[in-house]
Amino acid sequence: MDKKAISRDGTAIAYGRTGAGPAVVLVSGALSAGSSMGPLAARITGGLGSVPYDRRGRGASGDTAPYAVAREVEDIAALIDTVGGSAALYGMSSGAALALEAAASGLPVTRVAVYEPPFAVDEGGGEDRAAYTRQLSELLAEGRSGDAVELFMSLTGAPAEMIASARRAPWWPDLEALAPTLAYDDAAMGDGLVPRERLASVTVPVLAVAGGASPAWMHEAARAVAEAVPDGTYRTLDGQTHAVDPDALGPLLTDFFSA
């Protein structure tokens, strides 16, 4: 991330660029920085210019208080303005919710692709999200960063033995450093339900993708997003999970963004 865009509130947002063609801004999910999008950026071809970036509070980007989802939308607006005035967006997981919100906010976005936005499609999922929000807020307020990361990993379905192993791994402190941004992703997810009314205002084509080997609820969420926007398409990638292979996803995104 060797370049900087300045957001409306003065926050410096670090980004990189692969290629010089029409820009595709890559929005990462929870507990990740722009570098996590590097492999995918290299596989989006067809003369497109991939723009991975560090969301505020991550990597080389700044973090101006107080946080609001609207500030992250302004970060994307600053990136778009810096890289050419219009751009397509790709959002991964909770980053998908942010990408969709940016499009709904009326930014100069040409197309949006999302991979497994973790929305719930029924009220029970909303109740689970509310409980997670309460627990996360308490842990972060108490400075229990490691426990906050563990809570998030539990939410994603990671088994206890996997979490225990992760806490002993040399990269665990890096995750703890990102723990405060879990509240940012949680805010971007709203009440956790598919924001159908908000999505109805997205006027550009939207591609919602789920992995063929992912749980059924992820398929339901992606399909619901595609159905909620005026111009949506739902696709599955055979054999893929939430940890999608860039070699599988890159060609699909290239075709969609080049259309």
Protein backbone atom coordinates (compact mmCIF):
# COMPACT_ATOMS: atom_id res chain seq x y z
CA MET A 1 0.00 0.00 0.00
CA ASP A 2 2.38 2.69 -1.25
CA LYS A 3 -0.14 5.41 -2.18
CA LYS A 4 -2.46 7.60 -0.10
CA ALA A 5 -5.90 9.11 -0.64
CA ILE A 6 -7.20 11.67 1.84
CA SER A 7 -10.73 11.08 3.08
CA ARG A 8 -13.20 13.86 3.84
CA ASP A 9 -12.32 13.92 7.55
CA GLY A 10 -8.59 14.12 6.79
CA THR A 11 -7.83 10.45 7.34
CA ALA A 12 -5.08 9.08 5.10
CA ILE A 13 -6.19 5.89 3.34
CA ALA A 14 -3.37 3.71 2.02
CA TYR A 15 -3.88 1.88 -1.24
CA GLY A 16 -2.07 0.13 -4.07
CA ARG A 17 -2.85 -0.31 -7.73
CA THR A 18 -2.31 -3.19 -10.13
CA GLY A 19 -2.76 -2.18 -13.75
CA ALA A 20 -3.74 1.16 -15.25
CA GLY A 21 -7.18 0.37 -16.69
CA PRO A 22 -10.65 1.07 -15.28
CA ALA A 23 -10.44 0.83 -11.49
CA VAL A 24 -11.86 -1.96 -9.34
CA VAL A 25 -11.66 -1.06 -5.63
CA LEU A 26 -11.26 -4.18 -3.46
CA VAL A 27 -12.91 -3.97 -0.04
CA SER A 28 -11.59 -6.48 2.50
CA GLY A 29 -13.54 -8.12 5.29
CA ALA A 30 -13.04 -8.40 9.04
CA LEU A 31 -9.57 -8.82 10.59
CA SER A 32 -7.84 -8.18 7.26
CA ALA A 33 -5.98 -5.37 5.55
CA GLY A 34 -5.51 -4.54 1.90
CA SER A 35 -2.63 -6.96 1.54
CA SER A 36 -5.10 -9.84 1.87
CA MET A 37 -6.51 -8.75 -1.50
CA GLY A 38 -3.14 -8.89 -3.28
CA PRO A 39 -3.51 -12.40 -4.75
CA LEU A 40 -6.97 -11.59 -6.09
CA ALA A 41 -5.82 -8.22 -7.47
CA ALA A 42 -3.20 -10.04 -9.53
CA ARG A 43 -5.86 -12.32 -11.02
CA ILE A 44 -8.27 -9.60 -12.12
CA THR A 45 -7.08 -9.09 -15.68
CA GLY A 46 -8.66 -7.86 -18.91
CA GLY A 47 -7.08 -4.43 -18.75
CA LEU A 48 -8.67 -3.57 -15.40
CA GLY A 49 -6.83 -1.77 -12.61
CA SER A 50 -7.26 -3.42 -9.20
CA VAL A 51 -7.11 -1.09 -6.18
CA PRO A 52 -6.71 -2.92 -2.85
CA TYR A 53 -6.61 -0.62 0.17
CA ASP A 54 -6.23 -0.61 3.93
CA ARG A 55 -9.57 0.23 5.49
CA ARG A 56 -9.32 2.82 8.24
CA GLY A 57 -7.73 1.49 11.40
CA ARG A 58 -5.76 -1.14 9.48
CA GLY A 59 -2.32 -1.40 7.95
CA ALA A 60 -0.91 1.96 6.85
CA SER A 61 -4.22 3.85 6.96
CA GLY A 62 -5.18 6.31 9.66
CA ASP A 63 -8.17 6.11 11.99
CA THR A 64 -9.90 9.34 12.97
CA ALA A 65 -12.49 9.16 15.79
CA PRO A 66 -15.40 8.92 16.09
CA TYR A 67 -16.08 5.99 13.79
CA ALA A 68 -19.15 5.84 11.55
CA VAL A 69 -19.96 3.67 8.56
CA ALA A 70 -20.45 6.92 6.62
CA ARG A 71 -16.75 7.69 7.16
CA GLU A 72 -15.80 4.41 5.49
CA VAL A 73 -18.07 5.29 2.58
CA GLU A 74 -16.23 8.61 2.37
CA ASP A 75 -12.95 6.67 2.31
CA ILE A 76 -14.17 4.77 -0.75
CA ALA A 77 -15.32 8.05 -2.30
CA ALA A 78 -11.83 9.51 -1.81
CA LEU A 79 -10.24 6.44 -3.39
CA ILE A 80 -12.58 6.61 -6.38
CA ASP A 81 -11.85 10.29 -6.87
CA THR A 82 -8.11 9.65 -6.63
CA VAL A 83 -8.01 6.76 -9.10
CA GLY A 84 -10.11 8.29 -11.84
CA GLY A 85 -13.52 9.52 -10.76
CA SER A 86 -15.47 6.28 -11.12
CA ALA A 87 -14.82 2.66 -10.20
CA ALA A 88 -16.28 -0.79 -9.80
CA LEU A 89 -16.35 -2.31 -6.32
CA TYR A 90 -15.66 -5.80 -5.02
CA GLY A 91 -16.45 -6.62 -1.39
CA MET A 92 -15.46 -9.72 0.56
CA SER A 93 -17.62 -10.94 3.47
CA SER A 94 -18.43 -7.95 5.73
CA GLY A 95 -16.56 -5.81 3.20
CA ALA A 96 -19.41 -6.75 0.84
CA ALA A 97 -21.86 -4.95 3.12
CA LEU A 98 -19.67 -1.85 2.97
CA ALA A 99 -19.34 -2.04 -0.83
CA LEU A 100 -23.11 -2.31 -1.20
CA GLU A 101 -23.65 0.62 1.15
CA ALA A 102 -21.20 2.70 -0.87
CA ALA A 103 -23.16 1.96 -4.04
CA ALA A 104 -26.47 2.71 -2.32
CA SER A 105 -25.02 6.03 -1.13
CA GLY A 106 -24.78 7.24 -4.71
CA LEU A 107 -21.02 7.12 -5.23
CA PRO A 108 -19.83 7.02 -8.87
CA VAL A 109 -19.78 3.21 -8.91
CA THR A 110 -20.15 1.31 -12.18
CA ARG A 111 -20.66 -2.26 -10.95
CA VAL A 112 -20.52 -4.16 -7.66
CA ALA A 113 -19.49 -7.76 -7.00
CA VAL A 114 -19.72 -9.33 -3.56
CA TYR A 115 -18.57 -12.67 -2.17
CA GLU A 116 -20.58 -14.26 0.64
CA PRO A 117 -21.98 -11.19 2.43
CA PRO A 118 -22.71 -12.68 5.88
CA PHE A 119 -26.28 -11.43 6.19
CA ALA A 120 -29.04 -13.41 7.84
CA VAL A 121 -32.28 -13.88 5.96
CA ASP A 122 -34.58 -14.34 8.99
CA GLU A 123 -35.24 -12.57 12.29
CA GLY A 124 -33.46 -15.26 14.31
CA GLY A 125 -30.20 -14.32 12.63
CA GLY A 126 -30.82 -10.71 13.59
CA GLU A 127 -31.17 -11.70 17.24
CA ASP A 128 -27.86 -13.58 17.07
CA ARG A 129 -26.19 -10.49 15.58
CA ALA A 130 -27.58 -8.29 18.38
CA ALA A 131 -26.15 -10.64 21.01
CA TYR A 132 -22.78 -10.61 19.25
CA THR A 133 -22.80 -6.80 19.13
CA ARG A 134 -23.41 -6.58 22.88
CA GLN A 135 -20.67 -9.06 23.73
CA LEU A 136 -18.19 -7.49 21.33
CA SER A 137 -18.81 -4.00 22.71
CA GLU A 138 -18.24 -5.22 26.27
CA LEU A 139 -14.99 -7.01 25.43
CA LEU A 140 -13.55 -4.08 23.50
CA ALA A 141 -14.55 -1.63 26.24
CA GLU A 142 -12.64 -3.80 28.71
CA GLY A 143 -9.58 -3.96 26.45
CA ARG A 144 -9.91 -7.73 25.99
CA SER A 145 -8.74 -7.77 22.39
CA GLY A 146 -7.88 -11.46 22.30
CA ASP A 147 -11.28 -12.45 23.64
CA ALA A 148 -12.92 -10.16 21.07
CA VAL A 149 -11.09 -11.95 18.26
CA GLU A 150 -12.08 -15.30 19.76
CA LEU A 151 -15.71 -14.18 19.90
CA PHE A 152 -15.61 -13.24 16.22
CA MET A 153 -14.00 -16.53 15.26
CA SER A 154 -16.73 -18.36 17.18
CA LEU A 155 -19.34 -16.36 15.26
CA THR A 156 -17.84 -17.61 11.99
CA GLY A 157 -18.18 -21.20 13.16
CA ALA A 158 -14.54 -21.91 13.98
CA PRO A 159 -14.31 -24.87 16.42
CA ALA A 160 -12.86 -24.33 19.89
CA GLU A 161 -9.74 -26.39 19.17
CA MET A 162 -8.97 -24.28 16.09
CA ILE A 163 -9.34 -21.06 18.10
CA ALA A 164 -7.10 -22.41 20.87
CA SER A 165 -4.46 -23.28 18.30
CA ALA A 166 -4.75 -19.84 16.71
CA ARG A 167 -4.14 -18.14 20.06
CA ARG A 168 -0.78 -19.91 20.26
CA ALA A 169 0.22 -18.96 16.72
CA PRO A 170 2.90 -16.30 16.10
CA TRP A 171 0.46 -14.19 14.05
CA TRP A 172 -2.15 -13.96 16.83
CA PRO A 173 -0.88 -10.56 18.06
CA ASP A 174 -1.54 -9.19 14.56
CA LEU A 175 -5.18 -10.21 14.89
CA GLU A 176 -5.42 -8.69 18.34
CA ALA A 177 -4.11 -5.40 16.92
CA LEU A 178 -7.04 -5.41 14.48
CA ALA A 179 -9.62 -6.27 17.15
CA PRO A 180 -10.98 -2.69 17.49
CA THR A 181 -11.95 -2.76 13.82
CA LEU A 182 -14.30 -5.67 14.49
CA ALA A 183 -16.70 -3.00 15.75
CA TYR A 184 -16.41 -1.28 12.37
CA ASP A 185 -17.38 -4.42 10.47
CA ASP A 186 -20.18 -5.05 12.93
CA ALA A 187 -21.52 -1.54 12.29
CA ALA A 188 -21.29 -2.07 8.52
CA MET A 189 -23.46 -5.16 8.92
CA GLY A 190 -26.27 -3.14 10.50
CA ASP A 191 -28.78 -5.39 12.24
CA GLY A 192 -27.32 -8.39 10.45
CA LEU A 193 -30.31 -8.92 8.18
CA VAL A 194 -30.30 -8.49 4.40
CA PRO A 195 -30.94 -4.71 4.00
CA ARG A 196 -33.53 -5.18 1.28
CA GLU A 197 -34.91 -1.64 1.34
CA ARG A 198 -31.44 -0.12 1.12
CA LEU A 199 -30.37 -2.52 -1.63
CA ALA A 200 -33.38 -1.53 -3.71
CA SER A 201 -31.68 1.84 -4.26
CA VAL A 202 -28.57 0.30 -5.86
CA THR A 203 -28.96 1.16 -9.53
CA VAL A 204 -25.88 -0.55 -10.99
CA PRO A 205 -25.42 -4.25 -11.86
CA VAL A 206 -24.59 -6.43 -8.86
CA LEU A 207 -23.03 -9.90 -8.87
CA ALA A 208 -23.47 -11.89 -5.65
CA VAL A 209 -21.32 -15.03 -5.37
CA ALA A 210 -21.18 -17.93 -2.92
CA GLY A 211 -18.88 -20.93 -2.77
CA GLY A 212 -20.40 -24.24 -3.76
CA ALA A 213 -18.95 -25.90 -0.65
CA SER A 214 -20.06 -23.13 1.72
CA PRO A 215 -22.96 -23.54 4.18
CA ALA A 216 -26.50 -23.16 2.85
CA TRP A 217 -27.11 -19.90 4.72
CA MET A 218 -24.30 -18.21 2.79
CA HIS A 219 -25.99 -19.23 -0.46
CA GLU A 220 -29.30 -17.89 0.84
CA ALA A 221 -27.71 -14.56 1.78
CA ALA A 222 -25.98 -14.09 -1.56
CA ARG A 223 -29.14 -15.03 -3.45
CA ALA A 224 -31.20 -12.62 -1.31
CA VAL A 225 -28.80 -9.77 -2.14
CA ALA A 226 -29.07 -10.51 -5.86
CA GLU A 227 -32.85 -10.55 -5.61
CA ALA A 228 -33.05 -7.33 -3.56
CA VAL A 229 -31.20 -5.10 -6.06
CA PRO A 230 -32.89 -4.05 -9.31
CA ASP A 231 -30.17 -5.64 -11.49
CA GLY A 232 -28.71 -8.58 -9.62
CA THR A 233 -27.13 -11.91 -10.59
CA TYR A 234 -26.42 -14.82 -8.27
CA ARG A 235 -23.61 -17.29 -8.99
CA THR A 236 -21.89 -20.16 -7.22
CA LEU A 237 -18.28 -21.24 -7.56
CA ASP A 238 -18.02 -25.02 -7.48
CA GLY A 239 -15.92 -26.43 -4.69
CA GLN A 240 -15.20 -23.08 -3.05
CA THR A 241 -15.64 -22.08 0.59
CA HIS A 242 -15.49 -18.72 2.35
CA ALA A 243 -11.71 -18.91 1.88
CA VAL A 244 -12.20 -18.57 -1.87
CA ASP A 245 -9.32 -19.36 -4.23
CA PRO A 246 -8.30 -16.23 -6.20
CA ASP A 247 -7.64 -18.46 -9.21
CA ALA A 248 -11.32 -19.42 -9.20
CA LEU A 249 -12.76 -15.99 -8.42
CA GLY A 250 -10.48 -13.81 -10.54
CA PRO A 251 -11.79 -14.89 -13.98
CA LEU A 252 -15.42 -14.50 -12.84
CA LEU A 253 -14.77 -10.95 -11.62
CA THR A 254 -12.80 -10.10 -14.75
CA ASP A 255 -15.72 -11.14 -16.95
CA PHE A 256 -18.26 -9.26 -14.83
CA PHE A 257 -16.29 -6.02 -14.57
CA SER A 258 -15.34 -6.08 -18.24
CA ALA A 259 -18.94 -6.41 -19.46
